[in-house]
Amino acid sequence: DRKVRRGARHSAGEFSFIYAGNPGDEGKAMNFSGYHAGVYGFIHPVAK
């Protein structure tokens, strides 16, 4: 309704923390930010 939703604890829309994969090397589940979100999601693997 043309307003930005904040949520009960001001974290609505924090898409970085969406589950995005099975546990990584340290046994922790991958979130979208750590796995595939920002530009480093393609810059780092291309450089490598």
ModelCIF file with pLDDT and N, C-alpha, C, O atoms, coordinates in Angstrom:
data_MODEL
#
_entry.id   MODEL 
#
_entity.id                         1 
_entity.type                       polymer 
_entity.pdbx_number_of_molecules   1 
#
_entity_poly.entity_id                      1 
_entity_poly.type                           'polypeptide(L)' 
_entity_poly.nstd_linkage                   no 
_entity_poly.nstd_monomer                   no 
_entity_poly.pdbx_seq_one_letter_code       DRKVRRGARHSAGEFSFIYAGNPGDEGKAMNFSGYHAGVYGFIHPVAK 
_entity_poly.pdbx_seq_one_letter_code_can   DRKVRRGARHSAGEFSFIYAGNPGDEGKAMNFSGYHAGVYGFIHPVAK 
_entity_poly.pdbx_strand_id                 A 
#
loop_
_entity_poly_seq.entity_id 
_entity_poly_seq.num 
_entity_poly_seq.mon_id 
_entity_poly_seq.hetero 
1 1  ASP n 
1 2  ARG n 
1 3  LYS n 
1 4  VAL n 
1 5  ARG n 
1 6  ARG n 
1 7  GLY n 
1 8  ALA n 
1 9  ARG n 
1 10 HIS n 
1 11 SER n 
1 12 ALA n 
1 13 GLY n 
1 14 GLU n 
1 15 PHE n 
1 16 SER n 
1 17 PHE n 
1 18 ILE n 
1 19 TYR n 
1 20 ALA n 
1 21 GLY n 
1 22 ASN n 
1 23 PRO n 
1 24 GLY n 
1 25 ASP n 
1 26 GLU n 
1 27 GLY n 
1 28 LYS n 
1 29 ALA n 
1 30 MET n 
1 31 ASN n 
1 32 PHE n 
1 33 SER n 
1 34 GLY n 
1 35 TYR n 
1 36 HIS n 
1 37 ALA n 
1 38 GLY n 
1 39 VAL n 
1 40 TYR n 
1 41 GLY n 
1 42 PHE n 
1 43 ILE n 
1 44 HIS n 
1 45 PRO n 
1 46 VAL n 
1 47 ALA n 
1 48 LYS n 
#
_struct_asym.id          A 
_struct_asym.entity_id   1 
#
loop_
_ma_qa_metric.id 
_ma_qa_metric.mode 
_ma_qa_metric.name 
_ma_qa_metric.software_group_id 
_ma_qa_metric.type 
1 global pLDDT . pLDDT 
2 local  pLDDT . pLDDT 
#
_ma_qa_metric_global.metric_id      1 
_ma_qa_metric_global.metric_value   79.38 
_ma_qa_metric_global.model_id       1 
_ma_qa_metric_global.ordinal_id     1 
#
loop_
_ma_qa_metric_local.label_asym_id 
_ma_qa_metric_local.label_comp_id 
_ma_qa_metric_local.label_seq_id 
_ma_qa_metric_local.metric_id 
_ma_qa_metric_local.metric_value 
_ma_qa_metric_local.model_id 
_ma_qa_metric_local.ordinal_id 
A ASP 1  2 97.00 1 1  
A ARG 2  2 96.00 1 2  
A LYS 3  2 97.00 1 3  
A VAL 4  2 97.00 1 4  
A ARG 5  2 97.00 1 5  
A ARG 6  2 96.00 1 6  
A GLY 7  2 94.00 1 7  
A ALA 8  2 94.00 1 8  
A ARG 9  2 93.00 1 9  
A HIS 10 2 93.00 1 10 
A SER 11 2 91.00 1 11 
A ALA 12 2 94.00 1 12 
A GLY 13 2 92.00 1 13 
A GLU 14 2 89.00 1 14 
A PHE 15 2 88.00 1 15 
A SER 16 2 82.00 1 16 
A PHE 17 2 84.00 1 17 
A ILE 18 2 84.00 1 18 
A TYR 19 2 79.00 1 19 
A ALA 20 2 74.00 1 20 
A GLY 21 2 70.00 1 21 
A ASN 22 2 61.00 1 22 
A PRO 23 2 58.00 1 23 
A GLY 24 2 57.00 1 24 
A ASP 25 2 57.00 1 25 
A GLU 26 2 60.00 1 26 
A GLY 27 2 57.00 1 27 
A LYS 28 2 62.00 1 28 
A ALA 29 2 63.00 1 29 
A MET 30 2 70.00 1 30 
A ASN 31 2 73.00 1 31 
A PHE 32 2 75.00 1 32 
A SER 33 2 66.00 1 33 
A GLY 34 2 58.00 1 34 
A TYR 35 2 53.00 1 35 
A HIS 36 2 57.00 1 36 
A ALA 37 2 62.00 1 37 
A GLY 38 2 72.00 1 38 
A VAL 39 2 79.00 1 39 
A TYR 40 2 76.00 1 40 
A GLY 41 2 82.00 1 41 
A PHE 42 2 88.00 1 42 
A ILE 43 2 88.00 1 43 
A HIS 44 2 88.00 1 44 
A PRO 45 2 90.00 1 45 
A VAL 46 2 93.00 1 46 
A ALA 47 2 92.00 1 47 
A LYS 48 2 92.00 1 48 
#
loop_
_atom_site.group_PDB 
_atom_site.id 
_atom_site.type_symbol 
_atom_site.label_atom_id 
_atom_site.label_alt_id 
_atom_site.label_comp_id 
_atom_site.label_asym_id 
_atom_site.label_entity_id 
_atom_site.label_seq_id 
_atom_site.pdbx_PDB_ins_code 
_atom_site.Cartn_x 
_atom_site.Cartn_y 
_atom_site.Cartn_z 
_atom_site.occupancy 
_atom_site.B_iso_or_equiv 
_atom_site.pdbx_formal_charge 
_atom_site.auth_seq_id 
_atom_site.auth_comp_id 
_atom_site.auth_asym_id 
_atom_site.auth_atom_id 
_atom_site.pdbx_PDB_model_num 
ATOM 1   N N  . ASP A 1 1  ? 0.829  -1.211  0.000   1.00 97.00 ? 1  ASP A N  1 
ATOM 2   C CA . ASP A 1 1  ? 0.000  0.000   0.000   1.00 97.00 ? 1  ASP A CA 1 
ATOM 3   C C  . ASP A 1 1  ? 0.863  1.260   0.000   1.00 97.00 ? 1  ASP A C  1 
ATOM 4   O O  . ASP A 1 1  ? 0.577  2.229   0.702   1.00 97.00 ? 1  ASP A O  1 
ATOM 5   N N  . ARG A 1 2  ? 1.932  1.220   -0.810  1.00 96.00 ? 2  ARG A N  1 
ATOM 6   C CA . ARG A 1 2  ? 2.838  2.360   -1.007  1.00 96.00 ? 2  ARG A CA 1 
ATOM 7   C C  . ARG A 1 2  ? 3.579  2.760   0.258   1.00 96.00 ? 2  ARG A C  1 
ATOM 8   O O  . ARG A 1 2  ? 3.995  3.909   0.403   1.00 96.00 ? 2  ARG A O  1 
ATOM 9   N N  . LYS A 1 3  ? 3.744  1.819   1.169   1.00 97.00 ? 3  LYS A N  1 
ATOM 10  C CA . LYS A 1 3  ? 4.557  2.058   2.358   1.00 97.00 ? 3  LYS A CA 1 
ATOM 11  C C  . LYS A 1 3  ? 5.548  0.914   2.519   1.00 97.00 ? 3  LYS A C  1 
ATOM 12  O O  . LYS A 1 3  ? 5.231  -0.240  2.230   1.00 97.00 ? 3  LYS A O  1 
ATOM 13  N N  . VAL A 1 4  ? 6.740  1.240   2.977   1.00 97.00 ? 4  VAL A N  1 
ATOM 14  C CA . VAL A 1 4  ? 7.755  0.219   3.223   1.00 97.00 ? 4  VAL A CA 1 
ATOM 15  C C  . VAL A 1 4  ? 7.426  -0.485  4.533   1.00 97.00 ? 4  VAL A C  1 
ATOM 16  O O  . VAL A 1 4  ? 7.285  0.155   5.575   1.00 97.00 ? 4  VAL A O  1 
ATOM 17  N N  . ARG A 1 5  ? 7.307  -1.804  4.470   1.00 97.00 ? 5  ARG A N  1 
ATOM 18  C CA . ARG A 1 5  ? 6.995  -2.593  5.652   1.00 97.00 ? 5  ARG A CA 1 
ATOM 19  C C  . ARG A 1 5  ? 8.254  -2.822  6.475   1.00 97.00 ? 5  ARG A C  1 
ATOM 20  O O  . ARG A 1 5  ? 9.300  -3.179  5.933   1.00 97.00 ? 5  ARG A O  1 
ATOM 21  N N  . ARG A 1 6  ? 8.154  -2.616  7.783   1.00 96.00 ? 6  ARG A N  1 
ATOM 22  C CA . ARG A 1 6  ? 9.318  -2.737  8.647   1.00 96.00 ? 6  ARG A CA 1 
ATOM 23  C C  . ARG A 1 6  ? 9.337  -4.069  9.395   1.00 96.00 ? 6  ARG A C  1 
ATOM 24  O O  . ARG A 1 6  ? 10.405 -4.583  9.727   1.00 96.00 ? 6  ARG A O  1 
ATOM 25  N N  . GLY A 1 7  ? 8.153  -4.628  9.659   1.00 94.00 ? 7  GLY A N  1 
ATOM 26  C CA . GLY A 1 7  ? 8.078  -5.842  10.445  1.00 94.00 ? 7  GLY A CA 1 
ATOM 27  C C  . GLY A 1 7  ? 8.077  -5.530  11.928  1.00 94.00 ? 7  GLY A C  1 
ATOM 28  O O  . GLY A 1 7  ? 8.313  -4.392  12.333  1.00 94.00 ? 7  GLY A O  1 
ATOM 29  N N  . ALA A 1 8  ? 7.809  -6.551  12.743  1.00 94.00 ? 8  ALA A N  1 
ATOM 30  C CA . ALA A 1 8  ? 7.714  -6.362  14.185  1.00 94.00 ? 8  ALA A CA 1 
ATOM 31  C C  . ALA A 1 8  ? 9.051  -5.962  14.793  1.00 94.00 ? 8  ALA A C  1 
ATOM 32  O O  . ALA A 1 8  ? 9.088  -5.301  15.831  1.00 94.00 ? 8  ALA A O  1 
ATOM 33  N N  . ARG A 1 9  ? 10.157 -6.360  14.151  1.00 93.00 ? 9  ARG A N  1 
ATOM 34  C CA . ARG A 1 9  ? 11.495 -6.086  14.704  1.00 93.00 ? 9  ARG A CA 1 
ATOM 35  C C  . ARG A 1 9  ? 12.391 -5.396  13.684  1.00 93.00 ? 9  ARG A C  1 
ATOM 36  O O  . ARG A 1 9  ? 13.615 -5.512  13.749  1.00 93.00 ? 9  ARG A O  1 
ATOM 37  N N  . HIS A 1 10 ? 11.780 -4.675  12.738  1.00 93.00 ? 10 HIS A N  1 
ATOM 38  C CA . HIS A 1 10 ? 12.514 -3.853  11.765  1.00 93.00 ? 10 HIS A CA 1 
ATOM 39  C C  . HIS A 1 10 ? 13.354 -4.676  10.786  1.00 93.00 ? 10 HIS A C  1 
ATOM 40  O O  . HIS A 1 10 ? 14.297 -4.144  10.199  1.00 93.00 ? 10 HIS A O  1 
ATOM 41  N N  . SER A 1 11 ? 13.038 -5.952  10.598  1.00 91.00 ? 11 SER A N  1 
ATOM 42  C CA . SER A 1 11 ? 13.870 -6.767  9.704   1.00 91.00 ? 11 SER A CA 1 
ATOM 43  C C  . SER A 1 11 ? 13.112 -7.290  8.482   1.00 91.00 ? 11 SER A C  1 
ATOM 44  O O  . SER A 1 11 ? 13.633 -8.138  7.758   1.00 91.00 ? 11 SER A O  1 
ATOM 45  N N  . ALA A 1 12 ? 11.895 -6.800  8.239   1.00 94.00 ? 12 ALA A N  1 
ATOM 46  C CA . ALA A 1 12 ? 11.169 -7.215  7.033   1.00 94.00 ? 12 ALA A CA 1 
ATOM 47  C C  . ALA A 1 12 ? 11.970 -6.822  5.797   1.00 94.00 ? 12 ALA A C  1 
ATOM 48  O O  . ALA A 1 12 ? 12.483 -5.707  5.707   1.00 94.00 ? 12 ALA A O  1 
ATOM 49  N N  . GLY A 1 13 ? 12.072 -7.748  4.848   1.00 92.00 ? 13 GLY A N  1 
ATOM 50  C CA . GLY A 1 13 ? 12.789 -7.467  3.602   1.00 92.00 ? 13 GLY A CA 1 
ATOM 51  C C  . GLY A 1 13 ? 14.270 -7.769  3.642   1.00 92.00 ? 13 GLY A C  1 
ATOM 52  O O  . GLY A 1 13 ? 14.977 -7.482  2.676   1.00 92.00 ? 13 GLY A O  1 
ATOM 53  N N  . GLU A 1 14 ? 14.765 -8.341  4.735   1.00 89.00 ? 14 GLU A N  1 
ATOM 54  C CA . GLU A 1 14 ? 16.185 -8.683  4.800   1.00 89.00 ? 14 GLU A CA 1 
ATOM 55  C C  . GLU A 1 14 ? 16.430 -9.987  4.023   1.00 89.00 ? 14 GLU A C  1 
ATOM 56  O O  . GLU A 1 14 ? 16.662 -11.044 4.611   1.00 89.00 ? 14 GLU A O  1 
ATOM 57  N N  . PHE A 1 15 ? 16.373 -9.882  2.703   1.00 88.00 ? 15 PHE A N  1 
ATOM 58  C CA . PHE A 1 15 ? 16.473 -11.064 1.844   1.00 88.00 ? 15 PHE A CA 1 
ATOM 59  C C  . PHE A 1 15 ? 17.842 -11.744 1.924   1.00 88.00 ? 15 PHE A C  1 
ATOM 60  O O  . PHE A 1 15 ? 17.981 -12.903 1.536   1.00 88.00 ? 15 PHE A O  1 
ATOM 61  N N  . SER A 1 16 ? 18.828 -11.042 2.415   1.00 82.00 ? 16 SER A N  1 
ATOM 62  C CA . SER A 1 16 ? 20.166 -11.631 2.544   1.00 82.00 ? 16 SER A CA 1 
ATOM 63  C C  . SER A 1 16 ? 20.153 -12.907 3.366   1.00 82.00 ? 16 SER A C  1 
ATOM 64  O O  . SER A 1 16 ? 21.000 -13.780 3.182   1.00 82.00 ? 16 SER A O  1 
ATOM 65  N N  . PHE A 1 17 ? 19.182 -13.015 4.284   1.00 84.00 ? 17 PHE A N  1 
ATOM 66  C CA . PHE A 1 17 ? 19.189 -14.128 5.222   1.00 84.00 ? 17 PHE A CA 1 
ATOM 67  C C  . PHE A 1 17 ? 18.241 -15.260 4.825   1.00 84.00 ? 17 PHE A C  1 
ATOM 68  O O  . PHE A 1 17 ? 17.981 -16.164 5.619   1.00 84.00 ? 17 PHE A O  1 
ATOM 69  N N  . ILE A 1 18 ? 17.728 -15.208 3.595   1.00 84.00 ? 18 ILE A N  1 
ATOM 70  C CA . ILE A 1 18 ? 16.926 -16.319 3.082   1.00 84.00 ? 18 ILE A CA 1 
ATOM 71  C C  . ILE A 1 18 ? 17.815 -17.560 2.958   1.00 84.00 ? 18 ILE A C  1 
ATOM 72  O O  . ILE A 1 18 ? 18.957 -17.479 2.506   1.00 84.00 ? 18 ILE A O  1 
ATOM 73  N N  . TYR A 1 19 ? 17.276 -18.699 3.365   1.00 79.00 ? 19 TYR A N  1 
ATOM 74  C CA . TYR A 1 19 ? 18.016 -19.959 3.245   1.00 79.00 ? 19 TYR A CA 1 
ATOM 75  C C  . TYR A 1 19 ? 18.325 -20.228 1.778   1.00 79.00 ? 19 TYR A C  1 
ATOM 76  O O  . TYR A 1 19 ? 17.448 -20.084 0.926   1.00 79.00 ? 19 TYR A O  1 
ATOM 77  N N  . ALA A 1 20 ? 19.546 -20.612 1.476   1.00 74.00 ? 20 ALA A N  1 
ATOM 78  C CA . ALA A 1 20 ? 19.953 -20.762 0.073   1.00 74.00 ? 20 ALA A CA 1 
ATOM 79  C C  . ALA A 1 20 ? 20.789 -22.003 -0.197  1.00 74.00 ? 20 ALA A C  1 
ATOM 80  O O  . ALA A 1 20 ? 21.370 -22.107 -1.277  1.00 74.00 ? 20 ALA A O  1 
ATOM 81  N N  . GLY A 1 21 ? 20.877 -22.938 0.720   1.00 70.00 ? 21 GLY A N  1 
ATOM 82  C CA . GLY A 1 21 ? 21.658 -24.123 0.410   1.00 70.00 ? 21 GLY A CA 1 
ATOM 83  C C  . GLY A 1 21 ? 21.974 -24.961 1.625   1.00 70.00 ? 21 GLY A C  1 
ATOM 84  O O  . GLY A 1 21 ? 21.701 -24.568 2.759   1.00 70.00 ? 21 GLY A O  1 
ATOM 85  N N  . ASN A 1 22 ? 22.552 -26.119 1.375   1.00 61.00 ? 22 ASN A N  1 
ATOM 86  C CA . ASN A 1 22 ? 22.926 -27.043 2.436   1.00 61.00 ? 22 ASN A CA 1 
ATOM 87  C C  . ASN A 1 22 ? 24.102 -26.503 3.235   1.00 61.00 ? 22 ASN A C  1 
ATOM 88  O O  . ASN A 1 22 ? 24.773 -25.573 2.789   1.00 61.00 ? 22 ASN A O  1 
ATOM 89  N N  . PRO A 1 23 ? 24.366 -27.072 4.414   1.00 58.00 ? 23 PRO A N  1 
ATOM 90  C CA . PRO A 1 23 ? 25.483 -26.583 5.223   1.00 58.00 ? 23 PRO A CA 1 
ATOM 91  C C  . PRO A 1 23 ? 26.801 -26.564 4.463   1.00 58.00 ? 23 PRO A C  1 
ATOM 92  O O  . PRO A 1 23 ? 27.102 -27.478 3.695   1.00 58.00 ? 23 PRO A O  1 
ATOM 93  N N  . GLY A 1 24 ? 27.576 -25.522 4.682   1.00 57.00 ? 24 GLY A N  1 
ATOM 94  C CA . GLY A 1 24 ? 28.867 -25.396 4.028   1.00 57.00 ? 24 GLY A CA 1 
ATOM 95  C C  . GLY A 1 24 ? 29.960 -26.120 4.788   1.00 57.00 ? 24 GLY A C  1 
ATOM 96  O O  . GLY A 1 24 ? 29.697 -27.036 5.568   1.00 57.00 ? 24 GLY A O  1 
ATOM 97  N N  . ASP A 1 25 ? 31.180 -25.698 4.549   1.00 57.00 ? 25 ASP A N  1 
ATOM 98  C CA . ASP A 1 25 ? 32.340 -26.390 5.116   1.00 57.00 ? 25 ASP A CA 1 
ATOM 99  C C  . ASP A 1 25 ? 32.329 -26.391 6.636   1.00 57.00 ? 25 ASP A C  1 
ATOM 100 O O  . ASP A 1 25 ? 32.822 -27.330 7.261   1.00 57.00 ? 25 ASP A O  1 
ATOM 101 N N  . GLU A 1 26 ? 31.768 -25.341 7.237   1.00 60.00 ? 26 GLU A N  1 
ATOM 102 C CA . GLU A 1 26 ? 31.761 -25.244 8.695   1.00 60.00 ? 26 GLU A CA 1 
ATOM 103 C C  . GLU A 1 26 ? 30.465 -25.799 9.295   1.00 60.00 ? 26 GLU A C  1 
ATOM 104 O O  . GLU A 1 26 ? 30.206 -25.634 10.487  1.00 60.00 ? 26 GLU A O  1 
ATOM 105 N N  . GLY A 1 27 ? 29.664 -26.450 8.469   1.00 57.00 ? 27 GLY A N  1 
ATOM 106 C CA . GLY A 1 27 ? 28.434 -27.044 8.972   1.00 57.00 ? 27 GLY A CA 1 
ATOM 107 C C  . GLY A 1 27 ? 27.290 -26.074 9.148   1.00 57.00 ? 27 GLY A C  1 
ATOM 108 O O  . GLY A 1 27 ? 26.262 -26.431 9.722   1.00 57.00 ? 27 GLY A O  1 
ATOM 109 N N  . LYS A 1 28 ? 27.448 -24.836 8.658   1.00 62.00 ? 28 LYS A N  1 
ATOM 110 C CA . LYS A 1 28 ? 26.398 -23.834 8.796   1.00 62.00 ? 28 LYS A CA 1 
ATOM 111 C C  . LYS A 1 28 ? 25.593 -23.735 7.497   1.00 62.00 ? 28 LYS A C  1 
ATOM 112 O O  . LYS A 1 28 ? 26.152 -23.795 6.401   1.00 62.00 ? 28 LYS A O  1 
ATOM 113 N N  . ALA A 1 29 ? 24.281 -23.584 7.635   1.00 63.00 ? 29 ALA A N  1 
ATOM 114 C CA . ALA A 1 29 ? 23.438 -23.421 6.455   1.00 63.00 ? 29 ALA A CA 1 
ATOM 115 C C  . ALA A 1 29 ? 23.816 -22.130 5.727   1.00 63.00 ? 29 ALA A C  1 
ATOM 116 O O  . ALA A 1 29 ? 24.151 -21.127 6.358   1.00 63.00 ? 29 ALA A O  1 
ATOM 117 N N  . MET A 1 30 ? 23.761 -22.165 4.414   1.00 70.00 ? 30 MET A N  1 
ATOM 118 C CA . MET A 1 30 ? 24.122 -21.002 3.614   1.00 70.00 ? 30 MET A CA 1 
ATOM 119 C C  . MET A 1 30 ? 22.927 -20.069 3.470   1.00 70.00 ? 30 MET A C  1 
ATOM 120 O O  . MET A 1 30 ? 21.823 -20.517 3.158   1.00 70.00 ? 30 MET A O  1 
ATOM 121 N N  . ASN A 1 31 ? 23.137 -18.784 3.695   1.00 73.00 ? 31 ASN A N  1 
ATOM 122 C CA . ASN A 1 31 ? 22.085 -17.828 3.402   1.00 73.00 ? 31 ASN A CA 1 
ATOM 123 C C  . ASN A 1 31 ? 22.359 -17.185 2.045   1.00 73.00 ? 31 ASN A C  1 
ATOM 124 O O  . ASN A 1 31 ? 23.433 -17.344 1.466   1.00 73.00 ? 31 ASN A O  1 
ATOM 125 N N  . PHE A 1 32 ? 21.355 -16.452 1.553   1.00 75.00 ? 32 PHE A N  1 
ATOM 126 C CA . PHE A 1 32 ? 21.444 -15.902 0.205   1.00 75.00 ? 32 PHE A CA 1 
ATOM 127 C C  . PHE A 1 32 ? 22.615 -14.946 0.068   1.00 75.00 ? 32 PHE A C  1 
ATOM 128 O O  . PHE A 1 32 ? 23.297 -14.938 -0.957  1.00 75.00 ? 32 PHE A O  1 
ATOM 129 N N  . SER A 1 33 ? 22.851 -14.143 1.091   1.00 66.00 ? 33 SER A N  1 
ATOM 130 C CA . SER A 1 33 ? 23.946 -13.186 1.039   1.00 66.00 ? 33 SER A CA 1 
ATOM 131 C C  . SER A 1 33 ? 25.301 -13.883 0.954   1.00 66.00 ? 33 SER A C  1 
ATOM 132 O O  . SER A 1 33 ? 26.166 -13.484 0.174   1.00 66.00 ? 33 SER A O  1 
ATOM 133 N N  . GLY A 1 34 ? 25.478 -14.928 1.762   1.00 58.00 ? 34 GLY A N  1 
ATOM 134 C CA . GLY A 1 34 ? 26.759 -15.615 1.784   1.00 58.00 ? 34 GLY A CA 1 
ATOM 135 C C  . GLY A 1 34 ? 26.997 -16.490 0.578   1.00 58.00 ? 34 GLY A C  1 
ATOM 136 O O  . GLY A 1 34 ? 28.129 -16.880 0.295   1.00 58.00 ? 34 GLY A O  1 
ATOM 137 N N  . TYR A 1 35 ? 25.921 -16.799 -0.137  1.00 53.00 ? 35 TYR A N  1 
ATOM 138 C CA . TYR A 1 35 ? 26.038 -17.772 -1.224  1.00 53.00 ? 35 TYR A CA 1 
ATOM 139 C C  . TYR A 1 35 ? 25.981 -17.137 -2.600  1.00 53.00 ? 35 TYR A C  1 
ATOM 140 O O  . TYR A 1 35 ? 26.764 -17.482 -3.485  1.00 53.00 ? 35 TYR A O  1 
ATOM 141 N N  . HIS A 1 36 ? 25.038 -16.196 -2.783  1.00 57.00 ? 36 HIS A N  1 
ATOM 142 C CA . HIS A 1 36 ? 24.765 -15.837 -4.158  1.00 57.00 ? 36 HIS A CA 1 
ATOM 143 C C  . HIS A 1 36 ? 24.190 -14.434 -4.347  1.00 57.00 ? 36 HIS A C  1 
ATOM 144 O O  . HIS A 1 36 ? 23.618 -14.148 -5.399  1.00 57.00 ? 36 HIS A O  1 
ATOM 145 N N  . ALA A 1 37 ? 24.327 -13.568 -3.370  1.00 62.00 ? 37 ALA A N  1 
ATOM 146 C CA . ALA A 1 37 ? 23.492 -12.376 -3.428  1.00 62.00 ? 37 ALA A CA 1 
ATOM 147 C C  . ALA A 1 37 ? 24.113 -11.207 -4.185  1.00 62.00 ? 37 ALA A C  1 
ATOM 148 O O  . ALA A 1 37 ? 23.664 -10.882 -5.284  1.00 62.00 ? 37 ALA A O  1 
ATOM 149 N N  . GLY A 1 38 ? 25.136 -10.569 -3.621  1.00 72.00 ? 38 GLY A N  1 
ATOM 150 C CA . GLY A 1 38 ? 25.676 -9.355  -4.204  1.00 72.00 ? 38 GLY A CA 1 
ATOM 151 C C  . GLY A 1 38 ? 26.587 -9.623  -5.379  1.00 72.00 ? 38 GLY A C  1 
ATOM 152 O O  . GLY A 1 38 ? 26.700 -10.751 -5.861  1.00 72.00 ? 38 GLY A O  1 
ATOM 153 N N  . VAL A 1 39 ? 27.242 -8.552  -5.836  1.00 79.00 ? 39 VAL A N  1 
ATOM 154 C CA . VAL A 1 39 ? 28.085 -8.677  -7.030  1.00 79.00 ? 39 VAL A CA 1 
ATOM 155 C C  . VAL A 1 39 ? 29.265 -9.619  -6.808  1.00 79.00 ? 39 VAL A C  1 
ATOM 156 O O  . VAL A 1 39 ? 29.810 -10.172 -7.763  1.00 79.00 ? 39 VAL A O  1 
ATOM 157 N N  . TYR A 1 40 ? 29.662 -9.804  -5.541  1.00 76.00 ? 40 TYR A N  1 
ATOM 158 C CA . TYR A 1 40 ? 30.766 -10.726 -5.297  1.00 76.00 ? 40 TYR A CA 1 
ATOM 159 C C  . TYR A 1 40 ? 30.348 -12.176 -5.526  1.00 76.00 ? 40 TYR A C  1 
ATOM 160 O O  . TYR A 1 40 ? 31.188 -13.075 -5.558  1.00 76.00 ? 40 TYR A O  1 
ATOM 161 N N  . GLY A 1 41 ? 29.043 -12.395 -5.685  1.00 82.00 ? 41 GLY A N  1 
ATOM 162 C CA . GLY A 1 41 ? 28.565 -13.727 -6.029  1.00 82.00 ? 41 GLY A CA 1 
ATOM 163 C C  . GLY A 1 41 ? 29.001 -14.172 -7.402  1.00 82.00 ? 41 GLY A C  1 
ATOM 164 O O  . GLY A 1 41 ? 28.978 -15.366 -7.701  1.00 82.00 ? 41 GLY A O  1 
ATOM 165 N N  . PHE A 1 42 ? 29.403 -13.225 -8.256  1.00 88.00 ? 42 PHE A N  1 
ATOM 166 C CA . PHE A 1 42 ? 29.981 -13.615 -9.549  1.00 88.00 ? 42 PHE A CA 1 
ATOM 167 C C  . PHE A 1 42 ? 31.387 -13.062 -9.766  1.00 88.00 ? 42 PHE A C  1 
ATOM 168 O O  . PHE A 1 42 ? 32.161 -13.645 -10.525 1.00 88.00 ? 42 PHE A O  1 
ATOM 169 N N  . ILE A 1 43 ? 31.736 -11.945 -9.112  1.00 88.00 ? 43 ILE A N  1 
ATOM 170 C CA . ILE A 1 43 ? 33.086 -11.409 -9.292  1.00 88.00 ? 43 ILE A CA 1 
ATOM 171 C C  . ILE A 1 43 ? 34.134 -12.372 -8.744  1.00 88.00 ? 43 ILE A C  1 
ATOM 172 O O  . ILE A 1 43 ? 35.124 -12.668 -9.413  1.00 88.00 ? 43 ILE A O  1 
ATOM 173 N N  . HIS A 1 44 ? 33.911 -12.860 -7.524  1.00 88.00 ? 44 HIS A N  1 
ATOM 174 C CA . HIS A 1 44 ? 34.893 -13.745 -6.898  1.00 88.00 ? 44 HIS A CA 1 
ATOM 175 C C  . HIS A 1 44 ? 35.100 -15.030 -7.686  1.00 88.00 ? 44 HIS A C  1 
ATOM 176 O O  . HIS A 1 44 ? 36.251 -15.377 -7.955  1.00 88.00 ? 44 HIS A O  1 
ATOM 177 N N  . PRO A 1 45 ? 34.040 -15.767 -8.079  1.00 90.00 ? 45 PRO A N  1 
ATOM 178 C CA . PRO A 1 45 ? 34.270 -17.001 -8.837  1.00 90.00 ? 45 PRO A CA 1 
ATOM 179 C C  . PRO A 1 45 ? 34.879 -16.766 -10.216 1.00 90.00 ? 45 PRO A C  1 
ATOM 180 O O  . PRO A 1 45 ? 35.637 -17.607 -10.700 1.00 90.00 ? 45 PRO A O  1 
ATOM 181 N N  . VAL A 1 46 ? 34.564 -15.634 -10.863 1.00 93.00 ? 46 VAL A N  1 
ATOM 182 C CA . VAL A 1 46 ? 35.183 -15.344 -12.163 1.00 93.00 ? 46 VAL A CA 1 
ATOM 183 C C  . VAL A 1 46 ? 36.676 -15.099 -11.982 1.00 93.00 ? 46 VAL A C  1 
ATOM 184 O O  . VAL A 1 46 ? 37.491 -15.625 -12.740 1.00 93.00 ? 46 VAL A O  1 
ATOM 185 N N  . ALA A 1 47 ? 37.036 -14.299 -10.976 1.00 92.00 ? 47 ALA A N  1 
ATOM 186 C CA . ALA A 1 47 ? 38.450 -14.036 -10.712 1.00 92.00 ? 47 ALA A CA 1 
ATOM 187 C C  . ALA A 1 47 ? 39.197 -15.330 -10.413 1.00 92.00 ? 47 ALA A C  1 
ATOM 188 O O  . ALA A 1 47 ? 40.309 -15.538 -10.899 1.00 92.00 ? 47 ALA A O  1 
ATOM 189 N N  . LYS A 1 48 ? 38.582 -16.200 -9.610  1.00 92.00 ? 48 LYS A N  1 
ATOM 190 C CA . LYS A 1 48 ? 39.209 -17.470 -9.255  1.00 92.00 ? 48 LYS A CA 1 
ATOM 191 C C  . LYS A 1 48 ? 39.378 -18.366 -10.480 1.00 92.00 ? 48 LYS A C  1 
ATOM 192 O O  . LYS A 1 48 ? 39.891 -19.479 -10.365 1.00 92.00 ? 48 LYS A O  1 
#
